[in-house]
Amino acid sequence: MSRQDNEVENEKNVDNKIKSQQIVKNNDELKYTIYDFIRTIKDPEKPNTLEELNVVYEDGVYINQPTQGNVSVVRVEFNPTVPHCSLATLIGLCIRIKLERSIPFEIKLDIYIKQGAHATEHEINKQINDKERIAAAMENPNLKDMVENCIKEED
C-alpha cells in the first residue's frame, strides 16, 4: 500500500469514526427527547406523573438499529406499579399517542411492559403495538378523553 493509499484509508477511518460519534450523539439525543416527552404523562388514577411513580425511566428507552429506510427504531419499556395493574394498557396507549404526536419525524415505536412485571404482559404488549387496536381505542370517546387528560401538558 502506498503512502497516499494509507492517507486515504486513514481519512476514511476518521470520517467513519466521526459519523459513528454523530450517530451515537443523535441516538442519545433521541433517547433523552423521548424520555422527556413520556416522563410528564400523568397516571390515570393518581395525581403523579409516570416518572414520579417509576413507571417510566431513562433506562427503559432504547434506540435500536434504524430500518433499511433509515427510520429510527425506538423501544420504550414501562413498569406498572403492580403486577395486576388494570390500567397498564391505558398507560401504554398514552405513551404511544404522546410520542406519535410529539416526535416531528417518522419513528418505528415499540412499547413493552418490563418483562415479568405484569400478569398479562404478552396480551397487553400485543394490544399496544397493534395499529388497528390503537385506532379503534382512540375512536372510543371515553378512552380518548382519558388519554387526552393523561398526556396534556400542564402550564
C-alpha atoms as a PDB file:
ATOM      1  CA  MET A   1       0.000   0.000   0.000  1.00  0.00           C
ATOM      2  CA  SER A   2       1.425   3.382  -0.962  1.00  0.00           C
ATOM      3  CA  ARG A   3       1.723   6.316   1.354  1.00  0.00           C
ATOM      4  CA  GLN A   4      -1.111   8.061  -0.500  1.00  0.00           C
ATOM      5  CA  ASP A   5      -3.333   4.975  -0.118  1.00  0.00           C
ATOM      6  CA  ASN A   6      -2.575   4.948   3.629  1.00  0.00           C
ATOM      7  CA  GLU A   7      -3.546   8.603   3.916  1.00  0.00           C
ATOM      8  CA  VAL A   8      -6.809   7.979   2.064  1.00  0.00           C
ATOM      9  CA  GLU A   9      -7.528   4.963   4.274  1.00  0.00           C
ATOM     10  CA  ASN A  10      -6.787   6.998   7.429  1.00  0.00           C
ATOM     11  CA  GLU A  11      -9.121   9.769   6.245  1.00  0.00           C
ATOM     12  CA  LYS A  12     -11.894   7.192   5.655  1.00  0.00           C
ATOM     13  CA  ASN A  13     -11.359   5.779   9.146  1.00  0.00           C
ATOM     14  CA  VAL A  14     -11.533   9.267  10.671  1.00  0.00           C
ATOM     15  CA  ASP A  15     -14.697  10.038   8.658  1.00  0.00           C
ATOM     16  CA  ASN A  16     -16.296   6.762   9.773  1.00  0.00           C
ATOM     17  CA  LYS A  17     -15.378   7.468  13.393  1.00  0.00           C
ATOM     18  CA  ILE A  18     -16.917  10.947  13.189  1.00  0.00           C
ATOM     19  CA  LYS A  19     -20.090   9.516  11.603  1.00  0.00           C
ATOM     20  CA  SER A  20     -20.285   6.875  14.351  1.00  0.00           C
ATOM     21  CA  GLN A  21     -19.936   9.549  17.035  1.00  0.00           C
ATOM     22  CA  GLN A  22     -22.682  11.611  15.367  1.00  0.00           C
ATOM     23  CA  ILE A  23     -24.995   8.594  15.286  1.00  0.00           C
ATOM     24  CA  VAL A  24     -24.313   7.899  18.971  1.00  0.00           C
ATOM     25  CA  LYS A  25     -24.848  11.565  19.816  1.00  0.00           C
ATOM     26  CA  ASN A  26     -28.061  11.647  17.790  1.00  0.00           C
ATOM     27  CA  ASN A  27     -29.251   8.408  19.415  1.00  0.00           C
ATOM     28  CA  ASP A  28     -28.502   9.814  22.872  1.00  0.00           C
ATOM     29  CA  GLU A  29     -30.379  12.994  21.995  1.00  0.00           C
ATOM     30  CA  LEU A  30     -33.316  10.970  20.685  1.00  0.00           C
ATOM     31  CA  LYS A  31     -33.348   8.805  23.815  1.00  0.00           C
ATOM     32  CA  TYR A  32     -33.474  11.825  26.134  1.00  0.00           C
ATOM     33  CA  THR A  33     -36.038  13.578  23.939  1.00  0.00           C
ATOM     34  CA  ILE A  34     -38.288  10.510  24.056  1.00  0.00           C
ATOM     35  CA  TYR A  35     -37.889  10.273  27.815  1.00  0.00           C
ATOM     36  CA  ASP A  36     -38.652  13.976  28.288  1.00  0.00           C
ATOM     37  CA  PHE A  37     -41.942  13.505  26.459  1.00  0.00           C
ATOM     38  CA  ILE A  38     -43.111  10.425  28.370  1.00  0.00           C
ATOM     39  CA  ARG A  39     -41.957  11.353  31.869  1.00  0.00           C
ATOM     40  CA  THR A  40     -44.666  14.030  32.206  1.00  0.00           C
ATOM     41  CA  ILE A  41     -47.573  11.716  31.352  1.00  0.00           C
ATOM     42  CA  LYS A  42     -49.956  11.592  34.287  1.00  0.00           C
ATOM     43  CA  ASP A  43     -51.040   8.352  35.891  1.00  0.00           C
ATOM     44  CA  PRO A  44     -54.739   7.646  35.131  1.00  0.00           C
ATOM     45  CA  GLU A  45     -55.562   7.044  38.834  1.00  0.00           C
ATOM     46  CA  LYS A  46     -53.062   9.048  40.847  1.00  0.00           C
ATOM     47  CA  PRO A  47     -52.069  12.731  40.825  1.00  0.00           C
ATOM     48  CA  ASN A  48     -48.481  11.768  39.932  1.00  0.00           C
ATOM     49  CA  THR A  49     -46.553  11.522  36.684  1.00  0.00           C
ATOM     50  CA  LEU A  50     -45.329   8.199  35.349  1.00  0.00           C
ATOM     51  CA  GLU A  51     -41.782   9.307  36.179  1.00  0.00           C
ATOM     52  CA  GLU A  52     -42.671  10.053  39.804  1.00  0.00           C
ATOM     53  CA  LEU A  53     -44.171   6.570  40.143  1.00  0.00           C
ATOM     54  CA  ASN A  54     -41.152   4.944  38.405  1.00  0.00           C
ATOM     55  CA  VAL A  55     -43.428   3.553  35.724  1.00  0.00           C
ATOM     56  CA  VAL A  56     -41.130   5.096  33.095  1.00  0.00           C
ATOM     57  CA  TYR A  57     -37.391   5.599  33.495  1.00  0.00           C
ATOM     58  CA  GLU A  58     -34.484   6.702  31.292  1.00  0.00           C
ATOM     59  CA  ASP A  59     -33.011   3.198  31.105  1.00  0.00           C
ATOM     60  CA  GLY A  60     -36.323   1.971  29.689  1.00  0.00           C
ATOM     61  CA  VAL A  61     -35.824   3.903  26.438  1.00  0.00           C
ATOM     62  CA  TYR A  62     -33.765   2.088  23.824  1.00  0.00           C
ATOM     63  CA  ILE A  63     -32.699   3.307  20.411  1.00  0.00           C
ATOM     64  CA  ASN A  64     -32.165   0.280  18.185  1.00  0.00           C
ATOM     65  CA  GLN A  65     -30.642  -0.064  14.718  1.00  0.00           C
ATOM     66  CA  PRO A  66     -32.577   2.007  12.159  1.00  0.00           C
ATOM     67  CA  THR A  67     -34.620   0.296   9.481  1.00  0.00           C
ATOM     68  CA  GLN A  68     -33.293  -0.089   5.944  1.00  0.00           C
ATOM     69  CA  GLY A  69     -35.128   3.138   5.144  1.00  0.00           C
ATOM     70  CA  ASN A  70     -33.147   4.846   7.939  1.00  0.00           C
ATOM     71  CA  VAL A  71     -36.170   5.197  10.238  1.00  0.00           C
ATOM     72  CA  SER A  72     -35.190   5.268  13.909  1.00  0.00           C
ATOM     73  CA  VAL A  73     -36.417   2.284  15.900  1.00  0.00           C
ATOM     74  CA  VAL A  74     -37.392   3.210  19.450  1.00  0.00           C
ATOM     75  CA  ARG A  75     -38.323   0.736  22.165  1.00  0.00           C
ATOM     76  CA  VAL A  76     -39.966   2.032  25.316  1.00  0.00           C
ATOM     77  CA  GLU A  77     -40.269  -0.269  28.301  1.00  0.00           C
ATOM     78  CA  PHE A  78     -42.524   0.617  31.214  1.00  0.00           C
ATOM     79  CA  ASN A  79     -43.126  -0.947  34.597  1.00  0.00           C
ATOM     80  CA  PRO A  80     -46.682  -0.876  36.007  1.00  0.00           C
ATOM     81  CA  THR A  81     -46.854  -0.211  39.735  1.00  0.00           C
ATOM     82  CA  VAL A  82     -48.425  -3.618  40.469  1.00  0.00           C
ATOM     83  CA  PRO A  83     -48.384  -6.956  38.551  1.00  0.00           C
ATOM     84  CA  HIS A  84     -52.162  -6.910  38.066  1.00  0.00           C
ATOM     85  CA  CYS A  85     -52.497  -3.199  37.151  1.00  0.00           C
ATOM     86  CA  SER A  86     -55.804  -2.807  35.343  1.00  0.00           C
ATOM     87  CA  LEU A  87     -54.632   0.367  33.614  1.00  0.00           C
ATOM     88  CA  ALA A  88     -51.430  -0.947  32.024  1.00  0.00           C
ATOM     89  CA  THR A  89     -52.997  -0.955  28.556  1.00  0.00           C
ATOM     90  CA  LEU A  90     -54.155   2.640  29.021  1.00  0.00           C
ATOM     91  CA  ILE A  91     -50.664   3.674  30.157  1.00  0.00           C
ATOM     92  CA  GLY A  92     -49.125   2.034  27.084  1.00  0.00           C
ATOM     93  CA  LEU A  93     -51.688   3.773  24.883  1.00  0.00           C
ATOM     94  CA  CYS A  94     -50.845   7.126  26.489  1.00  0.00           C
ATOM     95  CA  ILE A  95     -47.128   6.597  25.863  1.00  0.00           C
ATOM     96  CA  ARG A  96     -47.769   5.720  22.211  1.00  0.00           C
ATOM     97  CA  ILE A  97     -50.136   8.619  21.489  1.00  0.00           C
ATOM     98  CA  LYS A  98     -47.913  11.157  23.270  1.00  0.00           C
ATOM     99  CA  LEU A  99     -44.845  10.097  21.272  1.00  0.00           C
ATOM    100  CA  GLU A 100     -46.659   9.828  17.949  1.00  0.00           C
ATOM    101  CA  ARG A 101     -47.914  13.383  18.387  1.00  0.00           C
ATOM    102  CA  SER A 102     -44.677  14.824  19.768  1.00  0.00           C
ATOM    103  CA  ILE A 103     -41.897  13.455  17.565  1.00  0.00           C
ATOM    104  CA  PRO A 104     -41.731  15.566  14.382  1.00  0.00           C
ATOM    105  CA  PHE A 105     -40.265  12.800  12.205  1.00  0.00           C
ATOM    106  CA  GLU A 106     -41.044   9.181  11.455  1.00  0.00           C
ATOM    107  CA  ILE A 107     -40.010   6.579  14.025  1.00  0.00           C
ATOM    108  CA  LYS A 108     -40.852   2.922  14.491  1.00  0.00           C
ATOM    109  CA  LEU A 109     -42.161   2.716  18.010  1.00  0.00           C
ATOM    110  CA  ASP A 110     -42.304  -0.473  20.072  1.00  0.00           C
ATOM    111  CA  ILE A 111     -43.800  -0.251  23.558  1.00  0.00           C
ATOM    112  CA  TYR A 112     -43.495  -3.084  26.049  1.00  0.00           C
ATOM    113  CA  ILE A 113     -44.178  -3.819  29.671  1.00  0.00           C
ATOM    114  CA  LYS A 114     -40.997  -4.721  31.523  1.00  0.00           C
ATOM    115  CA  GLN A 115     -40.578  -8.481  31.318  1.00  0.00           C
ATOM    116  CA  GLY A 116     -42.126 -10.226  34.318  1.00  0.00           C
ATOM    117  CA  ALA A 117     -43.744  -7.034  35.641  1.00  0.00           C
ATOM    118  CA  HIS A 118     -47.376  -7.806  34.775  1.00  0.00           C
ATOM    119  CA  ALA A 119     -49.588 -10.882  34.878  1.00  0.00           C
ATOM    120  CA  THR A 120     -50.865 -10.379  31.295  1.00  0.00           C
ATOM    121  CA  GLU A 121     -47.885  -8.574  29.762  1.00  0.00           C
ATOM    122  CA  HIS A 122     -47.912 -10.548  26.484  1.00  0.00           C
ATOM    123  CA  GLU A 123     -51.550  -9.720  25.730  1.00  0.00           C
ATOM    124  CA  ILE A 124     -51.073  -6.062  26.649  1.00  0.00           C
ATOM    125  CA  ASN A 125     -47.873  -5.796  24.593  1.00  0.00           C
ATOM    126  CA  LYS A 126     -49.764  -7.166  21.604  1.00  0.00           C
ATOM    127  CA  GLN A 127     -52.585  -4.633  22.062  1.00  0.00           C
ATOM    128  CA  ILE A 128     -50.397  -1.546  22.456  1.00  0.00           C
ATOM    129  CA  ASN A 129     -48.330  -2.419  19.385  1.00  0.00           C
ATOM    130  CA  ASP A 130     -51.266  -3.159  17.066  1.00  0.00           C
ATOM    131  CA  LYS A 131     -52.147  -0.162  14.859  1.00  0.00           C
ATOM    132  CA  GLU A 132     -55.744  -1.276  14.297  1.00  0.00           C
ATOM    133  CA  ARG A 133     -56.404  -1.732  18.013  1.00  0.00           C
ATOM    134  CA  ILE A 134     -54.828   1.653  18.741  1.00  0.00           C
ATOM    135  CA  ALA A 135     -57.003   3.349  16.122  1.00  0.00           C
ATOM    136  CA  ALA A 136     -60.129   1.615  17.455  1.00  0.00           C
ATOM    137  CA  ALA A 137     -59.292   2.592  21.035  1.00  0.00           C
ATOM    138  CA  MET A 138     -58.867   6.244  20.065  1.00  0.00           C
ATOM    139  CA  GLU A 139     -62.305   6.219  18.414  1.00  0.00           C
ATOM    140  CA  ASN A 140     -63.870   5.465  21.804  1.00  0.00           C
ATOM    141  CA  PRO A 141     -64.783   8.926  23.208  1.00  0.00           C
ATOM    142  CA  ASN A 142     -64.355   7.938  26.862  1.00  0.00           C
ATOM    143  CA  LEU A 143     -60.990   6.303  26.286  1.00  0.00           C
ATOM    144  CA  LYS A 144     -59.844   9.198  24.116  1.00  0.00           C
ATOM    145  CA  ASP A 145     -60.763  11.678  26.895  1.00  0.00           C
ATOM    146  CA  MET A 146     -58.785   9.633  29.433  1.00  0.00           C
ATOM    147  CA  VAL A 147     -55.742   9.580  27.148  1.00  0.00           C
ATOM    148  CA  GLU A 148     -56.019  13.319  26.453  1.00  0.00           C
ATOM    149  CA  ASN A 149     -56.175  14.077  30.193  1.00  0.00           C
ATOM    150  CA  CYS A 150     -53.120  11.943  30.905  1.00  0.00           C
ATOM    151  CA  ILE A 151     -50.935  13.355  28.131  1.00  0.00           C
ATOM    152  CA  LYS A 152     -51.831  17.047  28.258  1.00  0.00           C
ATOM    153  CA  GLU A 153     -49.038  19.336  29.343  1.00  0.00           C
ATOM    154  CA  GLU A 154     -49.549  21.451  32.425  1.00  0.00           C
ATOM    155  CA  ASP A 155     -48.894  25.161  32.015  1.00  0.00           C
END
